[in-house]
């Protein structure tokens, strides 16, 4: 999520913690594995419990989707906090208020990992996303993607 455009109003830098080798690397590796297990299980459990309830709670379609988006943003904030505490990533932001108020803008993660998108969504409680089609087949997160109303990136051949 390092934005190299000087004219961009928001930049965020996400980097791996300092490189460790040998036995000093093991605790961070274990922490990272535990975080990603929590991410998968959290996605699966939330898509079977709280997210469907929030999606079908009374209100307009926009209100229901916004409720789920805010909840997913909070869950992702927790995940980013876990990754940071485990020493797996460091996140620093500049002009964060501009990103949090962004509406009607396209924000692109310029580094193709799931973590970049998770960090962005944790900072943007009202984000709508176009999501890679293969993620819709992932049993741990497809329920989250569906409940939050994200759009699958299908090929033109379908």
N, C-alpha and C. Protein backbone atom coordinates (compact mmCIF):
# COMPACT_ATOMS: atom_id res chain seq x y z
N UNK A 1 0.81 -1.18 0.00
CA UNK A 1 0.00 0.00 0.00
C UNK A 1 0.85 1.25 0.00
N UNK A 2 1.99 1.18 -0.55
CA UNK A 2 2.83 2.35 -0.64
C UNK A 2 2.45 3.08 -1.91
N UNK A 3 1.98 4.29 -1.76
CA UNK A 3 1.52 5.07 -2.89
C UNK A 3 2.65 5.96 -3.36
N UNK A 4 3.08 5.77 -4.57
CA UNK A 4 4.21 6.55 -5.08
C UNK A 4 3.77 7.83 -5.77
N UNK A 5 2.49 8.06 -5.90
CA UNK A 5 1.99 9.27 -6.56
C UNK A 5 2.09 10.44 -5.59
N UNK A 6 2.79 11.49 -5.96
CA UNK A 6 2.94 12.64 -5.08
C UNK A 6 1.65 13.41 -4.93
N UNK A 7 0.76 13.33 -5.90
CA UNK A 7 -0.46 14.10 -5.84
C UNK A 7 -1.56 13.42 -5.03
N UNK A 8 -1.34 12.18 -4.60
CA UNK A 8 -2.36 11.46 -3.86
C UNK A 8 -2.53 12.07 -2.48
N UNK A 9 -3.79 12.27 -2.04
CA UNK A 9 -4.03 12.88 -0.74
C UNK A 9 -3.77 11.93 0.42
N UNK A 10 -3.72 10.64 0.17
CA UNK A 10 -3.55 9.67 1.23
C UNK A 10 -2.43 8.72 0.87
N UNK A 11 -1.57 8.48 1.80
CA UNK A 11 -0.57 7.43 1.62
C UNK A 11 -0.53 6.60 2.88
N UNK A 12 -0.30 5.35 2.71
CA UNK A 12 -0.15 4.43 3.82
C UNK A 12 1.04 3.56 3.52
N UNK A 13 1.82 3.32 4.51
CA UNK A 13 2.95 2.43 4.31
C UNK A 13 2.77 1.22 5.20
N UNK A 14 2.80 0.08 4.57
CA UNK A 14 2.72 -1.18 5.29
C UNK A 14 4.00 -1.92 4.95
N UNK A 15 4.71 -2.33 5.94
CA UNK A 15 5.95 -3.04 5.67
C UNK A 15 6.08 -4.19 6.64
N UNK A 16 6.86 -5.14 6.25
CA UNK A 16 7.15 -6.23 7.16
C UNK A 16 8.06 -5.71 8.25
N UNK A 17 7.95 -6.32 9.41
CA UNK A 17 8.82 -5.95 10.51
C UNK A 17 10.26 -6.30 10.13
N UNK A 18 11.25 -5.80 10.86
CA UNK A 18 12.64 -6.08 10.52
C UNK A 18 12.89 -7.58 10.36
N UNK A 19 13.73 -7.92 9.40
CA UNK A 19 14.01 -9.32 9.07
C UNK A 19 14.73 -9.99 10.23
N UNK A 20 14.17 -11.10 10.67
CA UNK A 20 14.79 -11.90 11.72
C UNK A 20 15.25 -13.22 11.11
N UNK A 21 16.27 -13.80 11.66
CA UNK A 21 16.76 -15.07 11.17
C UNK A 21 16.91 -16.05 12.32
N UNK A 22 17.01 -17.31 11.97
CA UNK A 22 17.26 -18.34 12.96
C UNK A 22 16.14 -18.48 13.97
N UNK A 23 16.50 -18.76 15.19
CA UNK A 23 15.52 -18.98 16.26
C UNK A 23 14.72 -17.73 16.60
N UNK A 24 15.30 -16.55 16.35
CA UNK A 24 14.57 -15.31 16.65
C UNK A 24 13.37 -15.12 15.74
N UNK A 25 13.32 -15.82 14.60
CA UNK A 25 12.21 -15.72 13.65
C UNK A 25 11.00 -16.56 14.08
N UNK A 26 11.23 -17.62 14.83
CA UNK A 26 10.17 -18.57 15.16
C UNK A 26 8.98 -17.94 15.88
N UNK A 27 9.16 -17.11 16.92
CA UNK A 27 7.97 -16.51 17.57
C UNK A 27 7.12 -15.68 16.62
N UNK A 28 7.75 -14.91 15.72
CA UNK A 28 6.98 -14.10 14.78
C UNK A 28 6.27 -14.99 13.78
N UNK A 29 6.90 -16.05 13.34
CA UNK A 29 6.27 -16.99 12.41
C UNK A 29 5.05 -17.63 13.07
N UNK A 30 5.19 -18.07 14.31
CA UNK A 30 4.06 -18.66 15.03
C UNK A 30 2.95 -17.63 15.20
N UNK A 31 3.31 -16.39 15.54
CA UNK A 31 2.31 -15.33 15.67
C UNK A 31 1.57 -15.09 14.36
N UNK A 32 2.31 -15.09 13.26
CA UNK A 32 1.68 -14.90 11.95
C UNK A 32 0.73 -16.03 11.60
N UNK A 33 1.15 -17.26 11.85
CA UNK A 33 0.29 -18.42 11.58
C UNK A 33 -0.98 -18.34 12.42
N UNK A 34 -0.83 -17.98 13.69
CA UNK A 34 -2.00 -17.86 14.57
C UNK A 34 -2.94 -16.76 14.09
N UNK A 35 -2.39 -15.65 13.63
CA UNK A 35 -3.22 -14.55 13.11
C UNK A 35 -4.01 -14.99 11.89
N UNK A 36 -3.36 -15.68 10.96
CA UNK A 36 -4.06 -16.10 9.74
C UNK A 36 -5.08 -17.20 10.02
N UNK A 37 -4.82 -18.03 11.03
CA UNK A 37 -5.83 -19.01 11.43
C UNK A 37 -7.04 -18.28 12.02
N UNK A 38 -6.79 -17.26 12.83
CA UNK A 38 -7.88 -16.47 13.40
C UNK A 38 -8.66 -15.76 12.30
N UNK A 39 -7.98 -15.28 11.26
CA UNK A 39 -8.63 -14.62 10.14
C UNK A 39 -9.59 -15.58 9.44
N UNK A 40 -9.12 -16.77 9.12
CA UNK A 40 -9.95 -17.75 8.43
C UNK A 40 -11.13 -18.20 9.26
N UNK A 41 -10.85 -18.56 10.51
CA UNK A 41 -11.95 -19.00 11.38
C UNK A 41 -12.91 -17.87 11.69
N UNK A 42 -12.38 -16.67 11.88
CA UNK A 42 -13.24 -15.51 12.13
C UNK A 42 -14.15 -15.22 10.96
N UNK A 43 -13.59 -15.34 9.75
CA UNK A 43 -14.41 -15.14 8.54
C UNK A 43 -15.51 -16.16 8.43
N UNK A 44 -15.16 -17.42 8.68
CA UNK A 44 -16.15 -18.49 8.58
C UNK A 44 -17.23 -18.34 9.64
N UNK A 45 -16.83 -18.13 10.88
CA UNK A 45 -17.81 -18.02 11.98
C UNK A 45 -18.69 -16.77 11.84
N UNK A 46 -18.09 -15.64 11.47
CA UNK A 46 -18.90 -14.42 11.35
C UNK A 46 -19.86 -14.52 10.18
N UNK A 47 -19.48 -15.22 9.11
CA UNK A 47 -20.39 -15.35 7.97
C UNK A 47 -21.53 -16.32 8.25
N UNK A 48 -21.39 -17.12 9.29
CA UNK A 48 -22.46 -18.04 9.69
C UNK A 48 -23.31 -17.49 10.83
N UNK A 49 -22.86 -16.42 11.49
CA UNK A 49 -23.55 -15.92 12.68
C UNK A 49 -23.97 -14.45 12.54
N UNK A 50 -23.08 -13.55 12.87
CA UNK A 50 -23.44 -12.14 13.02
C UNK A 50 -23.70 -11.42 11.69
N UNK A 51 -22.93 -11.72 10.65
CA UNK A 51 -23.10 -10.98 9.40
C UNK A 51 -24.46 -11.21 8.74
N UNK A 52 -24.99 -12.45 8.69
CA UNK A 52 -26.34 -12.60 8.12
C UNK A 52 -27.41 -11.88 8.94
N UNK A 53 -27.25 -11.88 10.26
CA UNK A 53 -28.21 -11.17 11.11
C UNK A 53 -28.19 -9.68 10.78
N UNK A 54 -26.99 -9.11 10.68
CA UNK A 54 -26.88 -7.68 10.36
C UNK A 54 -27.38 -7.37 8.96
N UNK A 55 -27.15 -8.28 8.01
CA UNK A 55 -27.59 -8.05 6.63
C UNK A 55 -29.11 -8.06 6.51
N UNK A 56 -29.77 -8.87 7.30
CA UNK A 56 -31.23 -8.97 7.19
C UNK A 56 -31.99 -8.24 8.29
N UNK A 57 -31.28 -7.52 9.15
CA UNK A 57 -31.93 -6.69 10.17
C UNK A 57 -32.72 -5.61 9.43
N UNK A 58 -33.85 -5.20 9.96
CA UNK A 58 -34.69 -4.22 9.24
C UNK A 58 -33.93 -2.94 8.85
N UNK A 59 -34.35 -2.39 7.74
CA UNK A 59 -33.76 -1.17 7.22
C UNK A 59 -33.71 -1.25 5.70
N UNK A 60 -33.34 -0.13 5.11
CA UNK A 60 -33.22 -0.13 3.65
C UNK A 60 -32.01 -0.97 3.25
N UNK A 61 -31.95 -1.30 1.97
CA UNK A 61 -30.82 -2.11 1.47
C UNK A 61 -29.49 -1.41 1.76
N UNK A 62 -29.44 -0.09 1.55
CA UNK A 62 -28.21 0.66 1.80
C UNK A 62 -27.84 0.63 3.27
N UNK A 63 -28.82 0.75 4.16
CA UNK A 63 -28.54 0.71 5.60
C UNK A 63 -28.01 -0.66 6.02
N UNK A 64 -28.61 -1.71 5.48
CA UNK A 64 -28.17 -3.06 5.84
C UNK A 64 -26.74 -3.33 5.37
N UNK A 65 -26.44 -2.96 4.13
CA UNK A 65 -25.09 -3.16 3.61
C UNK A 65 -24.08 -2.32 4.40
N UNK A 66 -24.43 -1.07 4.71
CA UNK A 66 -23.52 -0.20 5.47
C UNK A 66 -23.24 -0.78 6.85
N UNK A 67 -24.26 -1.39 7.48
CA UNK A 67 -24.08 -2.03 8.78
C UNK A 67 -23.05 -3.15 8.70
N UNK A 68 -23.19 -3.99 7.69
CA UNK A 68 -22.26 -5.11 7.53
C UNK A 68 -20.86 -4.58 7.18
N UNK A 69 -20.78 -3.57 6.32
CA UNK A 69 -19.48 -3.00 5.97
C UNK A 69 -18.76 -2.45 7.20
N UNK A 70 -19.46 -1.74 8.06
CA UNK A 70 -18.85 -1.21 9.29
C UNK A 70 -18.37 -2.34 10.19
N UNK A 71 -19.16 -3.40 10.28
CA UNK A 71 -18.77 -4.54 11.12
C UNK A 71 -17.53 -5.22 10.57
N UNK A 72 -17.47 -5.44 9.27
CA UNK A 72 -16.30 -6.06 8.66
C UNK A 72 -15.08 -5.15 8.83
N UNK A 73 -15.27 -3.86 8.70
CA UNK A 73 -14.17 -2.92 8.93
C UNK A 73 -13.63 -3.05 10.35
N UNK A 74 -14.51 -3.17 11.33
CA UNK A 74 -14.07 -3.34 12.72
C UNK A 74 -13.35 -4.69 12.91
N UNK A 75 -13.85 -5.73 12.28
CA UNK A 75 -13.19 -7.03 12.38
C UNK A 75 -11.80 -6.96 11.75
N UNK A 76 -11.68 -6.28 10.63
CA UNK A 76 -10.38 -6.15 9.97
C UNK A 76 -9.43 -5.29 10.80
N UNK A 77 -9.96 -4.27 11.50
CA UNK A 77 -9.12 -3.49 12.40
C UNK A 77 -8.51 -4.39 13.47
N UNK A 78 -9.34 -5.29 13.99
CA UNK A 78 -8.83 -6.24 14.98
C UNK A 78 -7.74 -7.13 14.40
N UNK A 79 -7.93 -7.58 13.16
CA UNK A 79 -6.93 -8.43 12.53
C UNK A 79 -5.63 -7.67 12.28
N UNK A 80 -5.72 -6.44 11.82
CA UNK A 80 -4.52 -5.63 11.59
C UNK A 80 -3.80 -5.38 12.92
N UNK A 81 -4.56 -5.15 13.99
CA UNK A 81 -3.96 -4.98 15.31
C UNK A 81 -3.24 -6.26 15.73
N UNK A 82 -3.84 -7.41 15.47
CA UNK A 82 -3.20 -8.69 15.80
C UNK A 82 -1.90 -8.86 15.03
N UNK A 83 -1.93 -8.59 13.73
CA UNK A 83 -0.71 -8.71 12.91
C UNK A 83 0.38 -7.76 13.40
N UNK A 84 -0.01 -6.55 13.76
CA UNK A 84 0.96 -5.58 14.25
C UNK A 84 1.54 -6.01 15.59
N UNK A 85 0.69 -6.51 16.48
CA UNK A 85 1.15 -6.96 17.79
C UNK A 85 2.07 -8.17 17.67
N UNK A 86 1.81 -9.02 16.70
CA UNK A 86 2.65 -10.20 16.49
C UNK A 86 3.96 -9.85 15.79
N UNK A 87 4.09 -8.61 15.33
CA UNK A 87 5.31 -8.18 14.66
C UNK A 87 5.39 -8.59 13.21
N UNK A 88 4.25 -8.97 12.62
CA UNK A 88 4.24 -9.41 11.23
C UNK A 88 4.24 -8.21 10.28
N UNK A 89 3.49 -7.15 10.59
CA UNK A 89 3.44 -5.95 9.76
C UNK A 89 3.53 -4.71 10.64
N UNK A 90 3.90 -3.62 10.02
CA UNK A 90 3.83 -2.29 10.62
C UNK A 90 3.00 -1.44 9.67
N UNK A 91 2.05 -0.69 10.21
CA UNK A 91 1.21 0.18 9.38
C UNK A 91 1.34 1.60 9.92
N UNK A 92 1.66 2.51 9.00
CA UNK A 92 1.66 3.93 9.36
C UNK A 92 0.86 4.66 8.30
N UNK A 93 0.18 5.71 8.70
CA UNK A 93 -0.69 6.42 7.78
C UNK A 93 -0.39 7.91 7.79
N UNK A 94 -0.78 8.54 6.69
CA UNK A 94 -0.65 9.99 6.54
C UNK A 94 -1.96 10.47 5.92
N UNK A 95 -2.53 11.51 6.44
CA UNK A 95 -3.80 12.06 5.97
C UNK A 95 -4.93 11.03 6.04
N UNK A 96 -4.96 10.28 7.10
CA UNK A 96 -5.96 9.23 7.27
C UNK A 96 -7.38 9.77 7.21
N UNK A 97 -7.62 10.96 7.71
CA UNK A 97 -8.97 11.52 7.70
C UNK A 97 -9.53 11.63 6.29
N UNK A 98 -8.68 11.87 5.31
CA UNK A 98 -9.15 11.96 3.92
C UNK A 98 -9.64 10.61 3.42
N UNK A 99 -8.96 9.56 3.79
CA UNK A 99 -9.36 8.22 3.37
C UNK A 99 -10.66 7.81 4.06
N UNK A 100 -10.80 8.11 5.33
CA UNK A 100 -11.99 7.70 6.06
C UNK A 100 -13.24 8.43 5.59
N UNK A 101 -13.08 9.61 5.01
CA UNK A 101 -14.24 10.36 4.51
C UNK A 101 -14.47 10.14 3.02
N UNK A 102 -13.64 9.36 2.38
CA UNK A 102 -13.71 9.18 0.92
C UNK A 102 -15.03 8.52 0.53
N UNK A 103 -15.78 9.18 -0.33
CA UNK A 103 -16.99 8.62 -0.91
C UNK A 103 -16.99 8.99 -2.39
N UNK A 104 -17.33 8.03 -3.23
CA UNK A 104 -17.33 8.27 -4.66
C UNK A 104 -15.93 8.31 -5.25
N UNK A 105 -14.96 7.71 -4.57
CA UNK A 105 -13.59 7.65 -5.05
C UNK A 105 -13.18 6.20 -5.26
N UNK A 106 -12.26 5.99 -6.16
CA UNK A 106 -11.69 4.67 -6.36
C UNK A 106 -10.35 4.63 -5.65
N UNK A 107 -10.21 3.68 -4.74
CA UNK A 107 -8.96 3.49 -4.01
C UNK A 107 -8.42 2.14 -4.42
N UNK A 108 -7.18 2.12 -4.85
CA UNK A 108 -6.58 0.89 -5.37
C UNK A 108 -5.39 0.51 -4.51
N UNK A 109 -5.38 -0.75 -4.07
CA UNK A 109 -4.21 -1.28 -3.39
C UNK A 109 -3.20 -1.64 -4.47
N UNK A 110 -2.04 -1.02 -4.43
CA UNK A 110 -1.08 -1.25 -5.51
C UNK A 110 -0.12 -2.40 -5.20
N UNK A 111 -0.42 -3.18 -4.22
CA UNK A 111 0.37 -4.36 -3.91
C UNK A 111 -0.61 -5.51 -3.80
N UNK A 112 -0.51 -6.51 -4.64
CA UNK A 112 -1.57 -7.52 -4.76
C UNK A 112 -1.59 -8.60 -3.68
N UNK A 113 -1.78 -8.19 -2.43
CA UNK A 113 -1.95 -9.19 -1.37
C UNK A 113 -3.26 -8.93 -0.66
N UNK A 114 -3.76 -9.94 -0.02
CA UNK A 114 -5.00 -9.81 0.75
C UNK A 114 -4.81 -8.86 1.92
N UNK A 115 -3.62 -8.81 2.48
CA UNK A 115 -3.38 -7.96 3.65
C UNK A 115 -3.56 -6.49 3.30
N UNK A 116 -3.14 -6.07 2.11
CA UNK A 116 -3.30 -4.66 1.72
C UNK A 116 -4.77 -4.27 1.71
N UNK A 117 -5.60 -5.13 1.16
CA UNK A 117 -7.03 -4.84 1.10
C UNK A 117 -7.63 -4.84 2.50
N UNK A 118 -7.19 -5.76 3.33
CA UNK A 118 -7.68 -5.81 4.72
C UNK A 118 -7.32 -4.53 5.45
N UNK A 119 -6.09 -4.03 5.26
CA UNK A 119 -5.69 -2.77 5.91
C UNK A 119 -6.55 -1.62 5.39
N UNK A 120 -6.76 -1.55 4.08
CA UNK A 120 -7.60 -0.48 3.53
C UNK A 120 -9.01 -0.53 4.08
N UNK A 121 -9.61 -1.71 4.11
CA UNK A 121 -10.99 -1.82 4.61
C UNK A 121 -11.05 -1.51 6.11
N UNK A 122 -10.00 -1.84 6.84
CA UNK A 122 -9.98 -1.52 8.27
C UNK A 122 -9.98 -0.01 8.49
N UNK A 123 -9.47 0.73 7.52
CA UNK A 123 -9.41 2.19 7.62
C UNK A 123 -10.60 2.88 6.96
N UNK A 124 -11.36 2.14 6.16
CA UNK A 124 -12.49 2.71 5.42
C UNK A 124 -13.77 1.93 5.77
N UNK A 125 -14.55 2.39 6.72
CA UNK A 125 -15.72 1.64 7.14
C UNK A 125 -16.84 1.55 6.11
N UNK A 126 -16.75 2.30 5.03
CA UNK A 126 -17.83 2.29 4.02
C UNK A 126 -17.34 1.83 2.65
N UNK A 127 -16.34 0.96 2.63
CA UNK A 127 -15.73 0.56 1.35
C UNK A 127 -16.56 -0.50 0.64
N UNK A 128 -16.75 -0.30 -0.63
CA UNK A 128 -17.30 -1.32 -1.51
C UNK A 128 -16.14 -1.85 -2.34
N UNK A 129 -16.14 -3.13 -2.66
CA UNK A 129 -14.97 -3.71 -3.32
C UNK A 129 -15.37 -4.59 -4.50
N UNK A 130 -14.49 -4.62 -5.47
CA UNK A 130 -14.54 -5.62 -6.52
C UNK A 130 -13.49 -6.65 -6.14
N UNK A 131 -13.92 -7.91 -5.99
CA UNK A 131 -13.06 -8.94 -5.42
C UNK A 131 -12.75 -10.01 -6.45
N UNK A 132 -11.51 -10.45 -6.45
CA UNK A 132 -11.05 -11.50 -7.36
C UNK A 132 -11.96 -12.73 -7.25
N UNK A 133 -12.36 -13.27 -8.38
CA UNK A 133 -13.31 -14.38 -8.44
C UNK A 133 -12.87 -15.58 -7.62
N UNK A 134 -11.58 -15.87 -7.59
CA UNK A 134 -11.12 -17.06 -6.86
C UNK A 134 -11.39 -16.96 -5.37
N UNK A 135 -11.44 -15.75 -4.82
CA UNK A 135 -11.74 -15.60 -3.39
C UNK A 135 -13.17 -15.99 -3.06
N UNK A 136 -14.06 -15.91 -4.06
CA UNK A 136 -15.45 -16.30 -3.84
C UNK A 136 -15.59 -17.81 -3.66
N UNK A 137 -14.57 -18.56 -4.02
CA UNK A 137 -14.60 -20.01 -3.83
C UNK A 137 -13.94 -20.42 -2.51
N UNK A 138 -13.37 -19.47 -1.79
CA UNK A 138 -12.72 -19.75 -0.53
C UNK A 138 -13.78 -19.90 0.56
N UNK A 139 -13.91 -21.09 1.17
CA UNK A 139 -14.98 -21.30 2.15
C UNK A 139 -14.86 -20.45 3.41
N UNK A 140 -13.68 -19.93 3.68
CA UNK A 140 -13.49 -19.15 4.90
C UNK A 140 -13.90 -17.69 4.75
N UNK A 141 -13.87 -17.16 3.53
CA UNK A 141 -14.22 -15.74 3.39
C UNK A 141 -15.35 -15.46 2.41
N UNK A 142 -15.82 -16.45 1.70
CA UNK A 142 -16.88 -16.15 0.71
C UNK A 142 -18.16 -15.66 1.38
N UNK A 143 -18.47 -16.16 2.57
CA UNK A 143 -19.65 -15.67 3.28
C UNK A 143 -19.53 -14.21 3.66
N UNK A 144 -18.33 -13.80 4.03
CA UNK A 144 -18.09 -12.39 4.35
C UNK A 144 -18.28 -11.55 3.09
N UNK A 145 -17.69 -12.00 1.99
CA UNK A 145 -17.80 -11.25 0.73
C UNK A 145 -19.26 -11.10 0.30
N UNK A 146 -20.03 -12.15 0.43
CA UNK A 146 -21.43 -12.11 0.02
C UNK A 146 -22.25 -11.22 0.94
N UNK A 147 -22.06 -11.37 2.26
CA UNK A 147 -22.85 -10.59 3.21
C UNK A 147 -22.57 -9.11 3.13
N UNK A 148 -21.34 -8.74 2.80
CA UNK A 148 -20.99 -7.33 2.76
C UNK A 148 -21.36 -6.69 1.42
N UNK A 149 -21.74 -7.51 0.46
CA UNK A 149 -22.21 -6.98 -0.81
C UNK A 149 -21.11 -6.63 -1.80
N UNK A 150 -19.94 -7.26 -1.68
CA UNK A 150 -18.88 -7.00 -2.63
C UNK A 150 -19.20 -7.62 -3.97
N UNK A 151 -18.54 -7.17 -4.99
CA UNK A 151 -18.82 -7.57 -6.37
C UNK A 151 -17.72 -8.51 -6.84
N UNK A 152 -18.09 -9.69 -7.36
CA UNK A 152 -17.06 -10.58 -7.90
C UNK A 152 -16.52 -10.07 -9.24
N UNK A 153 -15.24 -10.24 -9.43
CA UNK A 153 -14.59 -9.85 -10.68
C UNK A 153 -14.64 -11.06 -11.61
N UNK A 154 -15.70 -11.16 -12.35
CA UNK A 154 -15.87 -12.29 -13.26
C UNK A 154 -15.29 -11.93 -14.61
N UNK A 155 -14.81 -12.95 -15.30
CA UNK A 155 -14.27 -12.70 -16.63
C UNK A 155 -15.42 -12.48 -17.62
N UNK A 156 -15.12 -11.91 -18.74
CA UNK A 156 -16.13 -11.61 -19.76
C UNK A 156 -16.67 -12.88 -20.40
N UNK A 157 -15.97 -14.01 -20.25
CA UNK A 157 -16.38 -15.26 -20.85
C UNK A 157 -17.57 -15.91 -20.14
N UNK A 158 -17.87 -15.50 -18.92
CA UNK A 158 -18.95 -16.16 -18.16
C UNK A 158 -20.30 -15.86 -18.68
